[in-house]
């Protein structure tokens, strides 16, 4: 969902808090983050 919505995000901050329900795909997450517009601060929460 982040990957799909990332290019259109307009908020000052994008907080991503995943991993509570299992492991993640690092490559997919990094690729999705790369699509977030540069004006947003990206915060990754460690669960």
ModelCIF file with pLDDT and N, C-alpha, C, O atoms, coordinates in Angstrom:
data_MODEL
#
_entry.id   MODEL 
#
_entity.id                         1 
_entity.type                       polymer 
_entity.pdbx_number_of_molecules   1 
#
_entity_poly.entity_id                      1 
_entity_poly.type                           'polypeptide(L)' 
_entity_poly.nstd_linkage                   no 
_entity_poly.nstd_monomer                   no 
_entity_poly.pdbx_seq_one_letter_code       
;(UNK)(UNK)(UNK)(UNK)(UNK)(UNK)(UNK)(UNK)(UNK)(UNK)(UNK)(UNK)(UNK)(UNK)(UNK)(UNK)
(UNK)(UNK)(UNK)(UNK)(UNK)(UNK)(UNK)(UNK)(UNK)(UNK)(UNK)(UNK)(UNK)(UNK)(UNK)(UNK)
(UNK)(UNK)(UNK)(UNK)(UNK)(UNK)(UNK)(UNK)(UNK)(UNK)(UNK)(UNK)(UNK)(UNK)(UNK)
;
_entity_poly.pdbx_seq_one_letter_code_can   XXXXXXXXXXXXXXXXXXXXXXXXXXXXXXXXXXXXXXXXXXXXXXX 
_entity_poly.pdbx_strand_id                 A 
#
loop_
_entity_poly_seq.entity_id 
_entity_poly_seq.num 
_entity_poly_seq.mon_id 
_entity_poly_seq.hetero 
1 1  UNK n 
1 2  UNK n 
1 3  UNK n 
1 4  UNK n 
1 5  UNK n 
1 6  UNK n 
1 7  UNK n 
1 8  UNK n 
1 9  UNK n 
1 10 UNK n 
1 11 UNK n 
1 12 UNK n 
1 13 UNK n 
1 14 UNK n 
1 15 UNK n 
1 16 UNK n 
1 17 UNK n 
1 18 UNK n 
1 19 UNK n 
1 20 UNK n 
1 21 UNK n 
1 22 UNK n 
1 23 UNK n 
1 24 UNK n 
1 25 UNK n 
1 26 UNK n 
1 27 UNK n 
1 28 UNK n 
1 29 UNK n 
1 30 UNK n 
1 31 UNK n 
1 32 UNK n 
1 33 UNK n 
1 34 UNK n 
1 35 UNK n 
1 36 UNK n 
1 37 UNK n 
1 38 UNK n 
1 39 UNK n 
1 40 UNK n 
1 41 UNK n 
1 42 UNK n 
1 43 UNK n 
1 44 UNK n 
1 45 UNK n 
1 46 UNK n 
1 47 UNK n 
#
_struct_asym.id          A 
_struct_asym.entity_id   1 
#
loop_
_ma_qa_metric.id 
_ma_qa_metric.mode 
_ma_qa_metric.name 
_ma_qa_metric.software_group_id 
_ma_qa_metric.type 
1 global pLDDT . pLDDT 
2 local  pLDDT . pLDDT 
#
_ma_qa_metric_global.metric_id      1 
_ma_qa_metric_global.metric_value   96.40 
_ma_qa_metric_global.model_id       1 
_ma_qa_metric_global.ordinal_id     1 
#
loop_
_ma_qa_metric_local.label_asym_id 
_ma_qa_metric_local.label_comp_id 
_ma_qa_metric_local.label_seq_id 
_ma_qa_metric_local.metric_id 
_ma_qa_metric_local.metric_value 
_ma_qa_metric_local.model_id 
_ma_qa_metric_local.ordinal_id 
A UNK 1  2 96.00 1 1  
A UNK 2  2 97.00 1 2  
A UNK 3  2 97.00 1 3  
A UNK 4  2 97.00 1 4  
A UNK 5  2 98.00 1 5  
A UNK 6  2 98.00 1 6  
A UNK 7  2 98.00 1 7  
A UNK 8  2 98.00 1 8  
A UNK 9  2 98.00 1 9  
A UNK 10 2 97.00 1 10 
A UNK 11 2 98.00 1 11 
A UNK 12 2 97.00 1 12 
A UNK 13 2 98.00 1 13 
A UNK 14 2 98.00 1 14 
A UNK 15 2 98.00 1 15 
A UNK 16 2 97.00 1 16 
A UNK 17 2 96.00 1 17 
A UNK 18 2 94.00 1 18 
A UNK 19 2 92.00 1 19 
A UNK 20 2 92.00 1 20 
A UNK 21 2 91.00 1 21 
A UNK 22 2 91.00 1 22 
A UNK 23 2 93.00 1 23 
A UNK 24 2 94.00 1 24 
A UNK 25 2 95.00 1 25 
A UNK 26 2 96.00 1 26 
A UNK 27 2 96.00 1 27 
A UNK 28 2 96.00 1 28 
A UNK 29 2 97.00 1 29 
A UNK 30 2 97.00 1 30 
A UNK 31 2 97.00 1 31 
A UNK 32 2 97.00 1 32 
A UNK 33 2 98.00 1 33 
A UNK 34 2 97.00 1 34 
A UNK 35 2 98.00 1 35 
A UNK 36 2 98.00 1 36 
A UNK 37 2 98.00 1 37 
A UNK 38 2 96.00 1 38 
A UNK 39 2 95.00 1 39 
A UNK 40 2 97.00 1 40 
A UNK 41 2 96.00 1 41 
A UNK 42 2 98.00 1 42 
A UNK 43 2 98.00 1 43 
A UNK 44 2 98.00 1 44 
A UNK 45 2 97.00 1 45 
A UNK 46 2 97.00 1 46 
A UNK 47 2 96.00 1 47 
#
loop_
_atom_site.group_PDB 
_atom_site.id 
_atom_site.type_symbol 
_atom_site.label_atom_id 
_atom_site.label_alt_id 
_atom_site.label_comp_id 
_atom_site.label_asym_id 
_atom_site.label_entity_id 
_atom_site.label_seq_id 
_atom_site.pdbx_PDB_ins_code 
_atom_site.Cartn_x 
_atom_site.Cartn_y 
_atom_site.Cartn_z 
_atom_site.occupancy 
_atom_site.B_iso_or_equiv 
_atom_site.pdbx_formal_charge 
_atom_site.auth_seq_id 
_atom_site.auth_comp_id 
_atom_site.auth_asym_id 
_atom_site.auth_atom_id 
_atom_site.pdbx_PDB_model_num 
ATOM 1   N N  . UNK A 1 1  ? 0.832  -1.206  0.000  1.00 96.00 ? 1  UNK A N  1 
ATOM 2   C CA . UNK A 1 1  ? 0.000  0.000   0.000  1.00 96.00 ? 1  UNK A CA 1 
ATOM 3   C C  . UNK A 1 1  ? 0.868  1.258   0.000  1.00 96.00 ? 1  UNK A C  1 
ATOM 4   O O  . UNK A 1 1  ? 0.560  2.226   -0.695 1.00 96.00 ? 1  UNK A O  1 
ATOM 5   N N  . UNK A 1 2  ? 1.950  1.246   0.776  1.00 97.00 ? 2  UNK A N  1 
ATOM 6   C CA . UNK A 1 2  ? 2.883  2.372   0.787  1.00 97.00 ? 2  UNK A CA 1 
ATOM 7   C C  . UNK A 1 2  ? 3.445  2.590   -0.617 1.00 97.00 ? 2  UNK A C  1 
ATOM 8   O O  . UNK A 1 2  ? 3.513  3.722   -1.096 1.00 97.00 ? 2  UNK A O  1 
ATOM 9   N N  . UNK A 1 3  ? 3.846  1.502   -1.271 1.00 97.00 ? 3  UNK A N  1 
ATOM 10  C CA . UNK A 1 3  ? 4.432  1.581   -2.601 1.00 97.00 ? 3  UNK A CA 1 
ATOM 11  C C  . UNK A 1 3  ? 3.454  2.229   -3.588 1.00 97.00 ? 3  UNK A C  1 
ATOM 12  O O  . UNK A 1 3  ? 3.842  3.045   -4.424 1.00 97.00 ? 3  UNK A O  1 
ATOM 13  N N  . UNK A 1 4  ? 2.178  1.845   -3.471 1.00 97.00 ? 4  UNK A N  1 
ATOM 14  C CA . UNK A 1 4  ? 1.138  2.349   -4.367 1.00 97.00 ? 4  UNK A CA 1 
ATOM 15  C C  . UNK A 1 4  ? 0.856  3.838   -4.128 1.00 97.00 ? 4  UNK A C  1 
ATOM 16  O O  . UNK A 1 4  ? 0.664  4.605   -5.071 1.00 97.00 ? 4  UNK A O  1 
ATOM 17  N N  . UNK A 1 5  ? 0.836  4.231   -2.842 1.00 98.00 ? 5  UNK A N  1 
ATOM 18  C CA . UNK A 1 5  ? 0.448  5.602   -2.490 1.00 98.00 ? 5  UNK A CA 1 
ATOM 19  C C  . UNK A 1 5  ? 1.623  6.571   -2.410 1.00 98.00 ? 5  UNK A C  1 
ATOM 20  O O  . UNK A 1 5  ? 1.430  7.785   -2.478 1.00 98.00 ? 5  UNK A O  1 
ATOM 21  N N  . UNK A 1 6  ? 2.829  6.050   -2.267 1.00 98.00 ? 6  UNK A N  1 
ATOM 22  C CA . UNK A 1 6  ? 4.008  6.889   -1.980 1.00 98.00 ? 6  UNK A CA 1 
ATOM 23  C C  . UNK A 1 6  ? 4.159  8.117   -2.886 1.00 98.00 ? 6  UNK A C  1 
ATOM 24  O O  . UNK A 1 6  ? 4.348  9.226   -2.386 1.00 98.00 ? 6  UNK A O  1 
ATOM 25  N N  . UNK A 1 7  ? 4.078  7.936   -4.222 1.00 98.00 ? 7  UNK A N  1 
ATOM 26  C CA . UNK A 1 7  ? 4.323  9.108   -5.082 1.00 98.00 ? 7  UNK A CA 1 
ATOM 27  C C  . UNK A 1 7  ? 3.340  10.250  -4.860 1.00 98.00 ? 7  UNK A C  1 
ATOM 28  O O  . UNK A 1 7  ? 3.657  11.405  -5.145 1.00 98.00 ? 7  UNK A O  1 
ATOM 29  N N  . UNK A 1 8  ? 2.148  9.936   -4.353 1.00 98.00 ? 8  UNK A N  1 
ATOM 30  C CA . UNK A 1 8  ? 1.114  10.969  -4.192 1.00 98.00 ? 8  UNK A CA 1 
ATOM 31  C C  . UNK A 1 8  ? 1.040  11.525  -2.771 1.00 98.00 ? 8  UNK A C  1 
ATOM 32  O O  . UNK A 1 8  ? 0.184  12.362  -2.488 1.00 98.00 ? 8  UNK A O  1 
ATOM 33  N N  . UNK A 1 9  ? 1.917  11.079  -1.874 1.00 98.00 ? 9  UNK A N  1 
ATOM 34  C CA . UNK A 1 9  ? 1.852  11.561  -0.486 1.00 98.00 ? 9  UNK A CA 1 
ATOM 35  C C  . UNK A 1 9  ? 2.280  13.022  -0.406 1.00 98.00 ? 9  UNK A C  1 
ATOM 36  O O  . UNK A 1 9  ? 3.238  13.441  -1.055 1.00 98.00 ? 9  UNK A O  1 
ATOM 37  N N  . UNK A 1 10 ? 1.551  13.787  0.404  1.00 97.00 ? 10 UNK A N  1 
ATOM 38  C CA . UNK A 1 10 ? 1.839  15.227  0.507  1.00 97.00 ? 10 UNK A CA 1 
ATOM 39  C C  . UNK A 1 10 ? 2.138  15.657  1.948  1.00 97.00 ? 10 UNK A C  1 
ATOM 40  O O  . UNK A 1 10 ? 2.415  16.832  2.188  1.00 97.00 ? 10 UNK A O  1 
ATOM 41  N N  . UNK A 1 11 ? 2.086  14.733  2.903  1.00 98.00 ? 11 UNK A N  1 
ATOM 42  C CA . UNK A 1 11 ? 2.252  15.124  4.305  1.00 98.00 ? 11 UNK A CA 1 
ATOM 43  C C  . UNK A 1 11 ? 3.717  15.420  4.637  1.00 98.00 ? 11 UNK A C  1 
ATOM 44  O O  . UNK A 1 11 ? 4.633  14.977  3.945  1.00 98.00 ? 11 UNK A O  1 
ATOM 45  N N  . UNK A 1 12 ? 3.907  16.179  5.713  1.00 97.00 ? 12 UNK A N  1 
ATOM 46  C CA . UNK A 1 12 ? 5.257  16.543  6.165  1.00 97.00 ? 12 UNK A CA 1 
ATOM 47  C C  . UNK A 1 12 ? 6.053  15.324  6.612  1.00 97.00 ? 12 UNK A C  1 
ATOM 48  O O  . UNK A 1 12 ? 7.273  15.265  6.455  1.00 97.00 ? 12 UNK A O  1 
ATOM 49  N N  . UNK A 1 13 ? 5.328  14.341  7.178  1.00 98.00 ? 13 UNK A N  1 
ATOM 50  C CA . UNK A 1 13 ? 5.970  13.170  7.758  1.00 98.00 ? 13 UNK A CA 1 
ATOM 51  C C  . UNK A 1 13 ? 5.274  11.910  7.248  1.00 98.00 ? 13 UNK A C  1 
ATOM 52  O O  . UNK A 1 13 ? 4.048  11.874  7.141  1.00 98.00 ? 13 UNK A O  1 
ATOM 53  N N  . UNK A 1 14 ? 6.057  10.880  6.935  1.00 98.00 ? 14 UNK A N  1 
ATOM 54  C CA . UNK A 1 14 ? 5.514  9.558   6.648  1.00 98.00 ? 14 UNK A CA 1 
ATOM 55  C C  . UNK A 1 14 ? 6.119  8.609   7.680  1.00 98.00 ? 14 UNK A C  1 
ATOM 56  O O  . UNK A 1 14 ? 7.329  8.383   7.702  1.00 98.00 ? 14 UNK A O  1 
ATOM 57  N N  . UNK A 1 15 ? 5.256  8.062   8.532  1.00 98.00 ? 15 UNK A N  1 
ATOM 58  C CA . UNK A 1 15 ? 5.684  7.129   9.576  1.00 98.00 ? 15 UNK A CA 1 
ATOM 59  C C  . UNK A 1 15 ? 5.331  5.716   9.133  1.00 98.00 ? 15 UNK A C  1 
ATOM 60  O O  . UNK A 1 15 ? 4.182  5.428   8.799  1.00 98.00 ? 15 UNK A O  1 
ATOM 61  N N  . UNK A 1 16 ? 6.325  4.844   9.135  1.00 97.00 ? 16 UNK A N  1 
ATOM 62  C CA . UNK A 1 16 ? 6.123  3.449   8.737  1.00 97.00 ? 16 UNK A CA 1 
ATOM 63  C C  . UNK A 1 16 ? 6.444  2.584   9.955  1.00 97.00 ? 16 UNK A C  1 
ATOM 64  O O  . UNK A 1 16 ? 7.581  2.557   10.425 1.00 97.00 ? 16 UNK A O  1 
ATOM 65  N N  . UNK A 1 17 ? 5.438  1.883   10.457 1.00 96.00 ? 17 UNK A N  1 
ATOM 66  C CA . UNK A 1 17 ? 5.651  1.020   11.618 1.00 96.00 ? 17 UNK A CA 1 
ATOM 67  C C  . UNK A 1 17 ? 5.122  -0.367  11.256 1.00 96.00 ? 17 UNK A C  1 
ATOM 68  O O  . UNK A 1 17 ? 3.945  -0.668  11.459 1.00 96.00 ? 17 UNK A O  1 
ATOM 69  N N  . UNK A 1 18 ? 6.011  -1.209  10.715 1.00 94.00 ? 18 UNK A N  1 
ATOM 70  C CA . UNK A 1 18 ? 5.625  -2.549  10.276 1.00 94.00 ? 18 UNK A CA 1 
ATOM 71  C C  . UNK A 1 18 ? 6.489  -3.585  11.001 1.00 94.00 ? 18 UNK A C  1 
ATOM 72  O O  . UNK A 1 18 ? 7.480  -3.246  11.648 1.00 94.00 ? 18 UNK A O  1 
ATOM 73  N N  . UNK A 1 19 ? 6.092  -4.843  10.877 1.00 92.00 ? 19 UNK A N  1 
ATOM 74  C CA . UNK A 1 19 ? 6.895  -5.916  11.446 1.00 92.00 ? 19 UNK A CA 1 
ATOM 75  C C  . UNK A 1 19 ? 6.328  -6.544  12.694 1.00 92.00 ? 19 UNK A C  1 
ATOM 76  O O  . UNK A 1 19 ? 6.902  -7.493  13.228 1.00 92.00 ? 19 UNK A O  1 
ATOM 77  N N  . UNK A 1 20 ? 5.197  -6.023  13.172 1.00 92.00 ? 20 UNK A N  1 
ATOM 78  C CA . UNK A 1 20 ? 4.589  -6.628  14.362 1.00 92.00 ? 20 UNK A CA 1 
ATOM 79  C C  . UNK A 1 20 ? 4.055  -8.028  14.073 1.00 92.00 ? 20 UNK A C  1 
ATOM 80  O O  . UNK A 1 20 ? 3.951  -8.854  14.979 1.00 92.00 ? 20 UNK A O  1 
ATOM 81  N N  . UNK A 1 21 ? 3.716  -8.294  12.812 1.00 91.00 ? 21 UNK A N  1 
ATOM 82  C CA . UNK A 1 21 ? 3.063  -9.556  12.468 1.00 91.00 ? 21 UNK A CA 1 
ATOM 83  C C  . UNK A 1 21 ? 3.936  -10.481 11.636 1.00 91.00 ? 21 UNK A C  1 
ATOM 84  O O  . UNK A 1 21 ? 3.439  -11.455 11.071 1.00 91.00 ? 21 UNK A O  1 
ATOM 85  N N  . UNK A 1 22 ? 5.242  -10.190 11.552 1.00 91.00 ? 22 UNK A N  1 
ATOM 86  C CA . UNK A 1 22 ? 6.137  -11.060 10.793 1.00 91.00 ? 22 UNK A CA 1 
ATOM 87  C C  . UNK A 1 22 ? 7.220  -10.275 10.078 1.00 91.00 ? 22 UNK A C  1 
ATOM 88  O O  . UNK A 1 22 ? 7.239  -9.045  10.100 1.00 91.00 ? 22 UNK A O  1 
ATOM 89  N N  . UNK A 1 23 ? 8.124  -11.015 9.441  1.00 93.00 ? 23 UNK A N  1 
ATOM 90  C CA . UNK A 1 23 ? 9.288  -10.393 8.805  1.00 93.00 ? 23 UNK A CA 1 
ATOM 91  C C  . UNK A 1 23 ? 8.867  -9.543  7.610  1.00 93.00 ? 23 UNK A C  1 
ATOM 92  O O  . UNK A 1 23 ? 7.742  -9.635  7.119  1.00 93.00 ? 23 UNK A O  1 
ATOM 93  N N  . UNK A 1 24 ? 9.809  -8.714  7.159  1.00 94.00 ? 24 UNK A N  1 
ATOM 94  C CA . UNK A 1 24 ? 9.523  -7.789  6.068  1.00 94.00 ? 24 UNK A CA 1 
ATOM 95  C C  . UNK A 1 24 ? 10.401 -8.119  4.859  1.00 94.00 ? 24 UNK A C  1 
ATOM 96  O O  . UNK A 1 24 ? 11.360 -8.884  4.963  1.00 94.00 ? 24 UNK A O  1 
ATOM 97  N N  . UNK A 1 25 ? 10.062 -7.539  3.728  1.00 95.00 ? 25 UNK A N  1 
ATOM 98  C CA . UNK A 1 25 ? 10.865 -7.645  2.517  1.00 95.00 ? 25 UNK A CA 1 
ATOM 99  C C  . UNK A 1 25 ? 11.644 -6.333  2.413  1.00 95.00 ? 25 UNK A C  1 
ATOM 100 O O  . UNK A 1 25 ? 11.091 -5.290  2.063  1.00 95.00 ? 25 UNK A O  1 
ATOM 101 N N  . UNK A 1 26 ? 12.939 -6.412  2.725  1.00 96.00 ? 26 UNK A N  1 
ATOM 102 C CA . UNK A 1 26 ? 13.755 -5.184  2.774  1.00 96.00 ? 26 UNK A CA 1 
ATOM 103 C C  . UNK A 1 26 ? 13.792 -4.477  1.422  1.00 96.00 ? 26 UNK A C  1 
ATOM 104 O O  . UNK A 1 26 ? 13.709 -3.251  1.356  1.00 96.00 ? 26 UNK A O  1 
ATOM 105 N N  . UNK A 1 27 ? 13.917 -5.246  0.356  1.00 96.00 ? 27 UNK A N  1 
ATOM 106 C CA . UNK A 1 27 ? 14.022 -4.660  -0.983 1.00 96.00 ? 27 UNK A CA 1 
ATOM 107 C C  . UNK A 1 27 ? 12.741 -3.899  -1.336 1.00 96.00 ? 27 UNK A C  1 
ATOM 108 O O  . UNK A 1 27 ? 12.793 -2.780  -1.847 1.00 96.00 ? 27 UNK A O  1 
ATOM 109 N N  . UNK A 1 28 ? 11.594 -4.522  -1.056 1.00 96.00 ? 28 UNK A N  1 
ATOM 110 C CA . UNK A 1 28 ? 10.305 -3.883  -1.356 1.00 96.00 ? 28 UNK A CA 1 
ATOM 111 C C  . UNK A 1 28 ? 10.108 -2.629  -0.510 1.00 96.00 ? 28 UNK A C  1 
ATOM 112 O O  . UNK A 1 28 ? 9.617  -1.615  -1.007 1.00 96.00 ? 28 UNK A O  1 
ATOM 113 N N  . UNK A 1 29 ? 10.489 -2.691  0.765  1.00 97.00 ? 29 UNK A N  1 
ATOM 114 C CA . UNK A 1 29 ? 10.327 -1.523  1.638  1.00 97.00 ? 29 UNK A CA 1 
ATOM 115 C C  . UNK A 1 29 ? 11.219 -0.379  1.169  1.00 97.00 ? 29 UNK A C  1 
ATOM 116 O O  . UNK A 1 29 ? 10.770 0.764   1.085  1.00 97.00 ? 29 UNK A O  1 
ATOM 117 N N  . UNK A 1 30 ? 12.474 -0.680  0.865  1.00 97.00 ? 30 UNK A N  1 
ATOM 118 C CA . UNK A 1 30 ? 13.404 0.360   0.404  1.00 97.00 ? 30 UNK A CA 1 
ATOM 119 C C  . UNK A 1 30 ? 12.902 0.996   -0.895 1.00 97.00 ? 30 UNK A C  1 
ATOM 120 O O  . UNK A 1 30 ? 13.005 2.208   -1.081 1.00 97.00 ? 30 UNK A O  1 
ATOM 121 N N  . UNK A 1 31 ? 12.365 0.174   -1.780 1.00 97.00 ? 31 UNK A N  1 
ATOM 122 C CA . UNK A 1 31 ? 11.849 0.687   -3.060 1.00 97.00 ? 31 UNK A CA 1 
ATOM 123 C C  . UNK A 1 31 ? 10.644 1.596   -2.842 1.00 97.00 ? 31 UNK A C  1 
ATOM 124 O O  . UNK A 1 31 ? 10.507 2.625   -3.503 1.00 97.00 ? 31 UNK A O  1 
ATOM 125 N N  . UNK A 1 32 ? 9.773  1.210   -1.912 1.00 97.00 ? 32 UNK A N  1 
ATOM 126 C CA . UNK A 1 32 ? 8.594  2.029   -1.615 1.00 97.00 ? 32 UNK A CA 1 
ATOM 127 C C  . UNK A 1 32 ? 9.006  3.365   -0.999 1.00 97.00 ? 32 UNK A C  1 
ATOM 128 O O  . UNK A 1 32 ? 8.468  4.414   -1.352 1.00 97.00 ? 32 UNK A O  1 
ATOM 129 N N  . UNK A 1 33 ? 9.967  3.315   -0.076 1.00 98.00 ? 33 UNK A N  1 
ATOM 130 C CA . UNK A 1 33 ? 10.453 4.547   0.565  1.00 98.00 ? 33 UNK A CA 1 
ATOM 131 C C  . UNK A 1 33 ? 11.029 5.498   -0.487 1.00 98.00 ? 33 UNK A C  1 
ATOM 132 O O  . UNK A 1 33 ? 10.844 6.712   -0.406 1.00 98.00 ? 33 UNK A O  1 
ATOM 133 N N  . UNK A 1 34 ? 11.721 4.937   -1.466 1.00 97.00 ? 34 UNK A N  1 
ATOM 134 C CA . UNK A 1 34 ? 12.348 5.761   -2.514 1.00 97.00 ? 34 UNK A CA 1 
ATOM 135 C C  . UNK A 1 34 ? 11.323 6.541   -3.327 1.00 97.00 ? 34 UNK A C  1 
ATOM 136 O O  . UNK A 1 34 ? 11.661 7.549   -3.948 1.00 97.00 ? 34 UNK A O  1 
ATOM 137 N N  . UNK A 1 35 ? 10.058 6.080   -3.328 1.00 98.00 ? 35 UNK A N  1 
ATOM 138 C CA . UNK A 1 35 ? 9.008  6.756   -4.093 1.00 98.00 ? 35 UNK A CA 1 
ATOM 139 C C  . UNK A 1 35 ? 8.320  7.873   -3.309 1.00 98.00 ? 35 UNK A C  1 
ATOM 140 O O  . UNK A 1 35 ? 7.510  8.613   -3.867 1.00 98.00 ? 35 UNK A O  1 
ATOM 141 N N  . UNK A 1 36 ? 8.636  7.999   -2.023 1.00 98.00 ? 36 UNK A N  1 
ATOM 142 C CA . UNK A 1 36 ? 8.014  9.061   -1.210 1.00 98.00 ? 36 UNK A CA 1 
ATOM 143 C C  . UNK A 1 36 ? 8.652  10.395  -1.600 1.00 98.00 ? 36 UNK A C  1 
ATOM 144 O O  . UNK A 1 36 ? 9.878  10.501  -1.632 1.00 98.00 ? 36 UNK A O  1 
ATOM 145 N N  . UNK A 1 37 ? 7.847  11.405  -1.893 1.00 98.00 ? 37 UNK A N  1 
ATOM 146 C CA . UNK A 1 37 ? 8.407  12.710  -2.294 1.00 98.00 ? 37 UNK A CA 1 
ATOM 147 C C  . UNK A 1 37 ? 9.420  13.230  -1.265 1.00 98.00 ? 37 UNK A C  1 
ATOM 148 O O  . UNK A 1 37 ? 9.278  13.012  -0.062 1.00 98.00 ? 37 UNK A O  1 
ATOM 149 N N  . UNK A 1 38 ? 10.448 13.924  -1.777 1.00 96.00 ? 38 UNK A N  1 
ATOM 150 C CA . UNK A 1 38 ? 11.581 14.310  -0.923 1.00 96.00 ? 38 UNK A CA 1 
ATOM 151 C C  . UNK A 1 38 ? 11.212 15.347  0.139  1.00 96.00 ? 38 UNK A C  1 
ATOM 152 O O  . UNK A 1 38 ? 11.977 15.541  1.084  1.00 96.00 ? 38 UNK A O  1 
ATOM 153 N N  . UNK A 1 39 ? 10.068 16.016  0.012  1.00 95.00 ? 39 UNK A N  1 
ATOM 154 C CA . UNK A 1 39 ? 9.705  17.002  1.033  1.00 95.00 ? 39 UNK A CA 1 
ATOM 155 C C  . UNK A 1 39 ? 9.229  16.345  2.338  1.00 95.00 ? 39 UNK A C  1 
ATOM 156 O O  . UNK A 1 39 ? 9.123  17.010  3.368  1.00 95.00 ? 39 UNK A O  1 
ATOM 157 N N  . UNK A 1 40 ? 8.948  15.050  2.288  1.00 97.00 ? 40 UNK A N  1 
ATOM 158 C CA . UNK A 1 40 ? 8.468  14.372  3.496  1.00 97.00 ? 40 UNK A CA 1 
ATOM 159 C C  . UNK A 1 40 ? 9.625  13.814  4.315  1.00 97.00 ? 40 UNK A C  1 
ATOM 160 O O  . UNK A 1 40 ? 10.586 13.271  3.771  1.00 97.00 ? 40 UNK A O  1 
ATOM 161 N N  . UNK A 1 41 ? 9.514  13.959  5.629  1.00 96.00 ? 41 UNK A N  1 
ATOM 162 C CA . UNK A 1 41 ? 10.437 13.282  6.543  1.00 96.00 ? 41 UNK A CA 1 
ATOM 163 C C  . UNK A 1 41 ? 9.929  11.842  6.671  1.00 96.00 ? 41 UNK A C  1 
ATOM 164 O O  . UNK A 1 41 ? 8.749  11.624  6.946  1.00 96.00 ? 41 UNK A O  1 
ATOM 165 N N  . UNK A 1 42 ? 10.809 10.867  6.474  1.00 98.00 ? 42 UNK A N  1 
ATOM 166 C CA . UNK A 1 42 ? 10.418 9.460   6.581  1.00 98.00 ? 42 UNK A CA 1 
ATOM 167 C C  . UNK A 1 42 ? 10.920 8.901   7.905  1.00 98.00 ? 42 UNK A C  1 
ATOM 168 O O  . UNK A 1 42 ? 12.112 8.952   8.205  1.00 98.00 ? 42 UNK A O  1 
ATOM 169 N N  . UNK A 1 43 ? 9.984  8.363   8.697  1.00 98.00 ? 43 UNK A N  1 
ATOM 170 C CA . UNK A 1 43 ? 10.329 7.786   9.998  1.00 98.00 ? 43 UNK A CA 1 
ATOM 171 C C  . UNK A 1 43 ? 9.987  6.301   9.978  1.00 98.00 ? 43 UNK A C  1 
ATOM 172 O O  . UNK A 1 43 ? 8.873  5.915   9.625  1.00 98.00 ? 43 UNK A O  1 
ATOM 173 N N  . UNK A 1 44 ? 10.951 5.479   10.359 1.00 98.00 ? 44 UNK A N  1 
ATOM 174 C CA . UNK A 1 44 ? 10.767 4.040   10.410 1.00 98.00 ? 44 UNK A CA 1 
ATOM 175 C C  . UNK A 1 44 ? 10.760 3.612   11.873 1.00 98.00 ? 44 UNK A C  1 
ATOM 176 O O  . UNK A 1 44 ? 11.754 3.775   12.581 1.00 98.00 ? 44 UNK A O  1 
ATOM 177 N N  . UNK A 1 45 ? 9.625  3.060   12.322 1.00 97.00 ? 45 UNK A N  1 
ATOM 178 C CA . UNK A 1 45 ? 9.521  2.610   13.701 1.00 97.00 ? 45 UNK A CA 1 
ATOM 179 C C  . UNK A 1 45 ? 10.034 1.184   13.852 1.00 97.00 ? 45 UNK A C  1 
ATOM 180 O O  . UNK A 1 45 ? 9.683  0.308   13.061 1.00 97.00 ? 45 UNK A O  1 
ATOM 181 N N  . UNK A 1 46 ? 10.869 0.949   14.870 1.00 97.00 ? 46 UNK A N  1 
ATOM 182 C CA . UNK A 1 46 ? 11.339 -0.411  15.151 1.00 97.00 ? 46 UNK A CA 1 
ATOM 183 C C  . UNK A 1 46 ? 10.389 -1.040  16.159 1.00 97.00 ? 46 UNK A C  1 
ATOM 184 O O  . UNK A 1 46 ? 10.287 -0.547  17.283 1.00 97.00 ? 46 UNK A O  1 
ATOM 185 N N  . UNK A 1 47 ? 9.686  -2.117  15.794 1.00 96.00 ? 47 UNK A N  1 
ATOM 186 C CA . UNK A 1 47 ? 8.653  -2.667  16.674 1.00 96.00 ? 47 UNK A CA 1 
ATOM 187 C C  . UNK A 1 47 ? 9.220  -3.412  17.876 1.00 96.00 ? 47 UNK A C  1 
ATOM 188 O O  . UNK A 1 47 ? 8.461  -3.925  18.699 1.00 96.00 ? 47 UNK A O  1 
#
